[in-house]
Amino acid sequence: MRIAPLITALIALQPLGMTPLLAGDVPTVLEETFTAELSKDWFWGLGTWTAKDGILRGFESGPRRHGPVKMRRHQIKDGVLECQFRLEGRATFAGIIFNGSQERGHIVHLVIGTDTLRVIAHPKTGAGTELFKQANPIATGTWHTVKIQFKGPAMTATVDGTTLTVSDPCIAETKETFGLGGDSGGPDGEKAGALEFRALKVTR
């Protein structure tokens, strides 16, 4: 391999303000700072959500008895989603769900509860299959780190120090949207509890 021409080419890019990807670099295709109002790519939700000071915060509100959820358009087939989350008050779990088209609906769902870690796949519209369930206690009021990697029909998720891998043909489908949500503690609004997310990014 001729190293000198490669180095010359990399140096030539610098005056143009271009930083080339080096071996081992992973391109970031989405990064949310949550320091300002959410973009229109956050297109639907339940509950009350605010983005401020680097944190996306949601809690149940309104007459409908359903935990808070906020959906974002972003297509993922193979790739990695990372974020941190925190459960506040009486919140019992946080979830990250990936969907296909509006007609297709849910594809796969990671559920991180105060006592249990679960993965639910949806091989077809309206059908759910539990691929993984394990006791995994986590503390409320503390930030937890999540990393989800998709590669073909396999999904590998790491929550803090716990890693799991599941596989189902539906996981290989293109995920058109994803949602952040869970159970924030009940219908008493923010005084019951809240879900918080930060440091969200997707890499390829």
C-alpha atoms as a PDB file:
ATOM      1  CA  MET A   1       0.000   0.000   0.000  1.00  0.00           C
ATOM      2  CA  ARG A   2       1.386   3.462  -0.907  1.00  0.00           C
ATOM      3  CA  ILE A   3       1.046   5.553   2.276  1.00  0.00           C
ATOM      4  CA  ALA A   4       2.511   8.851   1.025  1.00  0.00           C
ATOM      5  CA  PRO A   5      -0.180   9.598  -1.601  1.00  0.00           C
ATOM      6  CA  LEU A   6      -2.892   8.841   0.966  1.00  0.00           C
ATOM      7  CA  ILE A   7      -1.404  11.267   3.502  1.00  0.00           C
ATOM      8  CA  THR A   8      -1.062  13.921   0.775  1.00  0.00           C
ATOM      9  CA  ALA A   9      -4.723  13.498  -0.143  1.00  0.00           C
ATOM     10  CA  LEU A  10      -5.837  13.817   3.490  1.00  0.00           C
ATOM     11  CA  ILE A  11      -3.800  16.974   4.001  1.00  0.00           C
ATOM     12  CA  ALA A  12      -5.240  18.455   0.818  1.00  0.00           C
ATOM     13  CA  LEU A  13      -8.734  18.191   2.265  1.00  0.00           C
ATOM     14  CA  GLN A  14      -8.006  20.293   5.342  1.00  0.00           C
ATOM     15  CA  PRO A  15      -8.017  23.782   3.742  1.00  0.00           C
ATOM     16  CA  LEU A  16     -11.480  23.031   2.404  1.00  0.00           C
ATOM     17  CA  GLY A  17     -12.757  22.450   5.932  1.00  0.00           C
ATOM     18  CA  MET A  18     -13.309  18.750   5.271  1.00  0.00           C
ATOM     19  CA  THR A  19     -12.356  16.193   7.893  1.00  0.00           C
ATOM     20  CA  PRO A  20     -11.993  12.748   6.315  1.00  0.00           C
ATOM     21  CA  LEU A  21     -13.231   9.652   8.088  1.00  0.00           C
ATOM     22  CA  LEU A  22     -10.331   7.543   9.290  1.00  0.00           C
ATOM     23  CA  ALA A  23     -10.355   3.790   9.780  1.00  0.00           C
ATOM     24  CA  GLY A  24     -12.560   2.939  12.752  1.00  0.00           C
ATOM     25  CA  ASP A  25     -14.558   6.181  12.653  1.00  0.00           C
ATOM     26  CA  VAL A  26     -18.330   5.714  12.739  1.00  0.00           C
ATOM     27  CA  PRO A  27     -20.449   8.400  11.041  1.00  0.00           C
ATOM     28  CA  THR A  28     -23.142  10.011  13.170  1.00  0.00           C
ATOM     29  CA  VAL A  29     -26.352  10.351  11.165  1.00  0.00           C
ATOM     30  CA  LEU A  30     -28.549  11.842  13.906  1.00  0.00           C
ATOM     31  CA  GLU A  31     -27.757  13.694  17.111  1.00  0.00           C
ATOM     32  CA  GLU A  32     -30.256  15.450  19.377  1.00  0.00           C
ATOM     33  CA  THR A  33     -29.045  18.083  21.859  1.00  0.00           C
ATOM     34  CA  PHE A  34     -32.475  18.804  23.423  1.00  0.00           C
ATOM     35  CA  THR A  35     -31.484  22.417  24.053  1.00  0.00           C
ATOM     36  CA  ALA A  36     -34.272  23.990  21.986  1.00  0.00           C
ATOM     37  CA  GLU A  37     -37.798  23.279  20.760  1.00  0.00           C
ATOM     38  CA  LEU A  38     -38.115  19.905  19.057  1.00  0.00           C
ATOM     39  CA  SER A  39     -37.974  19.816  15.270  1.00  0.00           C
ATOM     40  CA  LYS A  40     -40.934  18.779  13.126  1.00  0.00           C
ATOM     41  CA  ASP A  41     -39.348  15.339  12.792  1.00  0.00           C
ATOM     42  CA  TRP A  42     -40.784  14.739  16.284  1.00  0.00           C
ATOM     43  CA  PHE A  43     -44.228  14.353  14.815  1.00  0.00           C
ATOM     44  CA  TRP A  44     -46.578  12.701  17.330  1.00  0.00           C
ATOM     45  CA  GLY A  45     -46.867  11.949  21.009  1.00  0.00           C
ATOM     46  CA  LEU A  46     -48.915  11.317  24.104  1.00  0.00           C
ATOM     47  CA  GLY A  47     -48.414  13.179  27.352  1.00  0.00           C
ATOM     48  CA  THR A  48     -46.491  16.394  27.868  1.00  0.00           C
ATOM     49  CA  TRP A  49     -42.938  16.699  26.519  1.00  0.00           C
ATOM     50  CA  THR A  50     -40.371  19.465  26.814  1.00  0.00           C
ATOM     51  CA  ALA A  51     -36.793  19.790  25.552  1.00  0.00           C
ATOM     52  CA  LYS A  52     -34.589  21.975  27.727  1.00  0.00           C
ATOM     53  CA  ASP A  53     -30.999  22.105  28.965  1.00  0.00           C
ATOM     54  CA  GLY A  54     -30.058  18.938  27.090  1.00  0.00           C
ATOM     55  CA  ILE A  55     -32.933  16.808  28.425  1.00  0.00           C
ATOM     56  CA  LEU A  56     -36.158  15.573  26.822  1.00  0.00           C
ATOM     57  CA  ARG A  57     -38.702  15.214  29.648  1.00  0.00           C
ATOM     58  CA  GLY A  58     -42.122  13.594  29.403  1.00  0.00           C
ATOM     59  CA  PHE A  59     -44.966  12.723  31.738  1.00  0.00           C
ATOM     60  CA  GLU A  60     -48.510  11.437  31.457  1.00  0.00           C
ATOM     61  CA  SER A  61     -51.188  14.108  31.044  1.00  0.00           C
ATOM     62  CA  GLY A  62     -54.729  14.418  29.821  1.00  0.00           C
ATOM     63  CA  PRO A  63     -57.722  12.101  30.227  1.00  0.00           C
ATOM     64  CA  ARG A  64     -56.291   9.143  28.310  1.00  0.00           C
ATOM     65  CA  ARG A  65     -54.704   6.516  30.566  1.00  0.00           C
ATOM     66  CA  HIS A  66     -51.508   5.870  28.643  1.00  0.00           C
ATOM     67  CA  GLY A  67     -47.883   6.504  29.472  1.00  0.00           C
ATOM     68  CA  PRO A  68     -46.032   9.296  27.679  1.00  0.00           C
ATOM     69  CA  VAL A  69     -44.498   8.576  24.280  1.00  0.00           C
ATOM     70  CA  LYS A  70     -42.848  10.810  21.705  1.00  0.00           C
ATOM     71  CA  MET A  71     -42.230   9.676  18.126  1.00  0.00           C
ATOM     72  CA  ARG A  72     -39.490  10.747  15.723  1.00  0.00           C
ATOM     73  CA  ARG A  73     -39.061  10.176  12.015  1.00  0.00           C
ATOM     74  CA  HIS A  74     -35.689   8.644  11.236  1.00  0.00           C
ATOM     75  CA  GLN A  75     -35.043   5.637   9.049  1.00  0.00           C
ATOM     76  CA  ILE A  76     -32.841   2.896  10.492  1.00  0.00           C
ATOM     77  CA  LYS A  77     -32.114  -0.479   8.952  1.00  0.00           C
ATOM     78  CA  ASP A  78     -28.657  -1.466  10.198  1.00  0.00           C
ATOM     79  CA  GLY A  79     -27.190   0.982  12.686  1.00  0.00           C
ATOM     80  CA  VAL A  80     -26.798   1.977  16.322  1.00  0.00           C
ATOM     81  CA  LEU A  81     -29.020   4.128  18.551  1.00  0.00           C
ATOM     82  CA  GLU A  82     -27.608   5.365  21.846  1.00  0.00           C
ATOM     83  CA  CYS A  83     -29.079   7.480  24.622  1.00  0.00           C
ATOM     84  CA  GLN A  84     -29.334   7.897  28.368  1.00  0.00           C
ATOM     85  CA  PHE A  85     -32.543   7.822  30.385  1.00  0.00           C
ATOM     86  CA  ARG A  86     -33.715   8.464  33.921  1.00  0.00           C
ATOM     87  CA  LEU A  87     -36.885   7.435  35.771  1.00  0.00           C
ATOM     88  CA  GLU A  88     -38.244  10.058  38.163  1.00  0.00           C
ATOM     89  CA  GLY A  89     -40.771   9.696  40.976  1.00  0.00           C
ATOM     90  CA  ARG A  90     -43.101   6.710  40.548  1.00  0.00           C
ATOM     91  CA  ALA A  91     -42.038   5.988  36.956  1.00  0.00           C
ATOM     92  CA  THR A  92     -41.708   2.237  36.408  1.00  0.00           C
ATOM     93  CA  PHE A  93     -40.133   1.802  32.982  1.00  0.00           C
ATOM     94  CA  ALA A  94     -38.667   3.459  29.918  1.00  0.00           C
ATOM     95  CA  GLY A  95     -39.138   2.082  26.427  1.00  0.00           C
ATOM     96  CA  ILE A  96     -37.626   2.577  22.999  1.00  0.00           C
ATOM     97  CA  ILE A  97     -39.848   1.355  20.180  1.00  0.00           C
ATOM     98  CA  PHE A  98     -39.111   1.053  16.472  1.00  0.00           C
ATOM     99  CA  ASN A  99     -41.874   1.132  13.867  1.00  0.00           C
ATOM    100  CA  GLY A 100     -42.286   0.500  10.166  1.00  0.00           C
ATOM    101  CA  SER A 101     -44.774   2.374   8.016  1.00  0.00           C
ATOM    102  CA  GLN A 102     -48.034   3.594   9.501  1.00  0.00           C
ATOM    103  CA  GLU A 103     -49.737   0.503   8.083  1.00  0.00           C
ATOM    104  CA  ARG A 104     -47.014  -1.840   9.380  1.00  0.00           C
ATOM    105  CA  GLY A 105     -46.883  -0.450  12.912  1.00  0.00           C
ATOM    106  CA  HIS A 106     -44.534  -1.722  15.622  1.00  0.00           C
ATOM    107  CA  ILE A 107     -41.461  -3.801  14.725  1.00  0.00           C
ATOM    108  CA  VAL A 108     -39.460  -4.218  17.949  1.00  0.00           C
ATOM    109  CA  HIS A 109     -39.578  -2.713  21.441  1.00  0.00           C
ATOM    110  CA  LEU A 110     -36.945  -2.563  24.196  1.00  0.00           C
ATOM    111  CA  VAL A 111     -38.545  -2.186  27.643  1.00  0.00           C
ATOM    112  CA  ILE A 112     -36.324  -1.245  30.592  1.00  0.00           C
ATOM    113  CA  GLY A 113     -38.190  -1.508  33.872  1.00  0.00           C
ATOM    114  CA  THR A 114     -37.182  -0.947  37.456  1.00  0.00           C
ATOM    115  CA  ASP A 115     -37.009  -4.723  37.863  1.00  0.00           C
ATOM    116  CA  THR A 116     -37.154  -6.367  34.398  1.00  0.00           C
ATOM    117  CA  LEU A 117     -35.526  -6.037  30.985  1.00  0.00           C
ATOM    118  CA  ARG A 118     -37.624  -7.162  28.000  1.00  0.00           C
ATOM    119  CA  VAL A 119     -37.600  -7.234  24.202  1.00  0.00           C
ATOM    120  CA  ILE A 120     -40.862  -7.603  22.297  1.00  0.00           C
ATOM    121  CA  ALA A 121     -40.900  -8.252  18.544  1.00  0.00           C
ATOM    122  CA  HIS A 122     -43.892  -7.697  16.280  1.00  0.00           C
ATOM    123  CA  PRO A 123     -43.573 -10.176  13.388  1.00  0.00           C
ATOM    124  CA  LYS A 124     -46.755  -8.809  11.840  1.00  0.00           C
ATOM    125  CA  THR A 125     -49.156  -5.981  12.459  1.00  0.00           C
ATOM    126  CA  GLY A 126     -51.030  -6.425  15.719  1.00  0.00           C
ATOM    127  CA  ALA A 127     -48.955  -9.401  16.893  1.00  0.00           C
ATOM    128  CA  GLY A 128     -46.339  -9.396  19.650  1.00  0.00           C
ATOM    129  CA  THR A 129     -43.746 -11.994  20.649  1.00  0.00           C
ATOM    130  CA  GLU A 130     -41.552 -11.718  23.733  1.00  0.00           C
ATOM    131  CA  LEU A 131     -37.987 -12.494  22.645  1.00  0.00           C
ATOM    132  CA  PHE A 132     -36.273 -11.765  25.946  1.00  0.00           C
ATOM    133  CA  LYS A 133     -37.196 -11.280  29.591  1.00  0.00           C
ATOM    134  CA  GLN A 134     -34.783 -11.140  32.494  1.00  0.00           C
ATOM    135  CA  ALA A 135     -34.691  -9.692  35.985  1.00  0.00           C
ATOM    136  CA  ASN A 136     -32.567  -6.562  35.834  1.00  0.00           C
ATOM    137  CA  PRO A 137     -33.195  -4.096  38.682  1.00  0.00           C
ATOM    138  CA  ILE A 138     -32.302  -0.455  38.024  1.00  0.00           C
ATOM    139  CA  ALA A 139     -32.492   2.587  40.263  1.00  0.00           C
ATOM    140  CA  THR A 140     -34.813   5.543  39.822  1.00  0.00           C
ATOM    141  CA  GLY A 141     -33.357   9.037  39.913  1.00  0.00           C
ATOM    142  CA  THR A 142     -30.167   7.814  38.215  1.00  0.00           C
ATOM    143  CA  TRP A 143     -29.023   8.126  34.603  1.00  0.00           C
ATOM    144  CA  HIS A 144     -28.727   4.836  32.704  1.00  0.00           C
ATOM    145  CA  THR A 145     -27.005   4.251  29.367  1.00  0.00           C
ATOM    146  CA  VAL A 146     -28.615   2.387  26.463  1.00  0.00           C
ATOM    147  CA  LYS A 147     -27.058   1.194  23.212  1.00  0.00           C
ATOM    148  CA  ILE A 148     -29.106  -0.674  20.594  1.00  0.00           C
ATOM    149  CA  GLN A 149     -27.434  -2.135  17.505  1.00  0.00           C
ATOM    150  CA  PHE A 150     -29.273  -3.565  14.504  1.00  0.00           C
ATOM    151  CA  LYS A 151     -27.597  -5.889  12.035  1.00  0.00           C
ATOM    152  CA  GLY A 152     -29.889  -7.844   9.759  1.00  0.00           C
ATOM    153  CA  PRO A 153     -32.350  -9.879  11.866  1.00  0.00           C
ATOM    154  CA  ALA A 154     -30.278  -9.420  15.048  1.00  0.00           C
ATOM    155  CA  MET A 155     -30.590  -6.743  17.705  1.00  0.00           C
ATOM    156  CA  THR A 156     -27.994  -6.322  20.446  1.00  0.00           C
ATOM    157  CA  ALA A 157     -28.892  -4.063  23.355  1.00  0.00           C
ATOM    158  CA  THR A 158     -26.711  -2.944  26.236  1.00  0.00           C
ATOM    159  CA  VAL A 159     -28.256  -1.318  29.295  1.00  0.00           C
ATOM    160  CA  ASP A 160     -25.524  -0.144  31.629  1.00  0.00           C
ATOM    161  CA  GLY A 161     -23.450  -3.332  31.985  1.00  0.00           C
ATOM    162  CA  THR A 162     -26.073  -5.829  30.778  1.00  0.00           C
ATOM    163  CA  THR A 163     -25.924  -6.981  27.142  1.00  0.00           C
ATOM    164  CA  LEU A 164     -28.467  -9.123  25.309  1.00  0.00           C
ATOM    165  CA  THR A 165     -28.865 -10.270  21.720  1.00  0.00           C
ATOM    166  CA  VAL A 166     -32.117 -11.369  20.095  1.00  0.00           C
ATOM    167  CA  SER A 167     -33.037 -12.328  16.562  1.00  0.00           C
ATOM    168  CA  ASP A 168     -36.217 -12.312  14.509  1.00  0.00           C
ATOM    169  CA  PRO A 169     -36.796 -11.834  10.770  1.00  0.00           C
ATOM    170  CA  CYS A 170     -38.883  -8.725  11.425  1.00  0.00           C
ATOM    171  CA  ILE A 171     -35.910  -6.944  13.000  1.00  0.00           C
ATOM    172  CA  ALA A 172     -34.266  -6.822   9.558  1.00  0.00           C
ATOM    173  CA  GLU A 173     -37.100  -4.623   8.284  1.00  0.00           C
ATOM    174  CA  THR A 174     -36.458  -0.926   7.779  1.00  0.00           C
ATOM    175  CA  LYS A 175     -37.436   1.029  10.880  1.00  0.00           C
ATOM    176  CA  GLU A 176     -39.101   4.223   9.629  1.00  0.00           C
ATOM    177  CA  THR A 177     -39.630   5.871  13.047  1.00  0.00           C
ATOM    178  CA  PHE A 178     -38.703   5.369  16.663  1.00  0.00           C
ATOM    179  CA  GLY A 179     -40.311   6.444  19.899  1.00  0.00           C
ATOM    180  CA  LEU A 180     -39.185   7.234  23.428  1.00  0.00           C
ATOM    181  CA  GLY A 181     -41.606   6.657  26.249  1.00  0.00           C
ATOM    182  CA  GLY A 182     -42.725   4.364  29.037  1.00  0.00           C
ATOM    183  CA  ASP A 183     -44.675   4.669  32.278  1.00  0.00           C
ATOM    184  CA  SER A 184     -44.155   7.886  34.223  1.00  0.00           C
ATOM    185  CA  GLY A 185     -46.079   6.886  37.320  1.00  0.00           C
ATOM    186  CA  GLY A 186     -49.752   7.312  36.532  1.00  0.00           C
ATOM    187  CA  PRO A 187     -52.408   9.843  35.564  1.00  0.00           C
ATOM    188  CA  ASP A 188     -51.541  12.436  38.221  1.00  0.00           C
ATOM    189  CA  GLY A 189     -49.234  14.247  35.830  1.00  0.00           C
ATOM    190  CA  GLU A 190     -45.735  15.440  36.615  1.00  0.00           C
ATOM    191  CA  LYS A 191     -46.220  15.130  40.369  1.00  0.00           C
ATOM    192  CA  ALA A 192     -46.494  11.348  39.894  1.00  0.00           C
ATOM    193  CA  GLY A 193     -43.226  11.073  38.002  1.00  0.00           C
ATOM    194  CA  ALA A 194     -41.496  11.637  34.696  1.00  0.00           C
ATOM    195  CA  LEU A 195     -39.235  10.095  32.079  1.00  0.00           C
ATOM    196  CA  GLU A 196     -36.084  11.875  30.941  1.00  0.00           C
ATOM    197  CA  PHE A 197     -33.826  11.203  27.957  1.00  0.00           C
ATOM    198  CA  ARG A 198     -30.568  12.816  26.837  1.00  0.00           C
ATOM    199  CA  ALA A 199     -27.468  12.291  24.650  1.00  0.00           C
ATOM    200  CA  LEU A 200     -29.462  10.709  21.810  1.00  0.00           C
ATOM    201  CA  LYS A 201     -27.585   9.804  18.655  1.00  0.00           C
ATOM    202  CA  VAL A 202     -27.728   7.343  15.789  1.00  0.00           C
ATOM    203  CA  THR A 203     -24.625   6.067  14.034  1.00  0.00           C
ATOM    204  CA  ARG A 204     -24.255   3.901  10.976  1.00  0.00           C
END
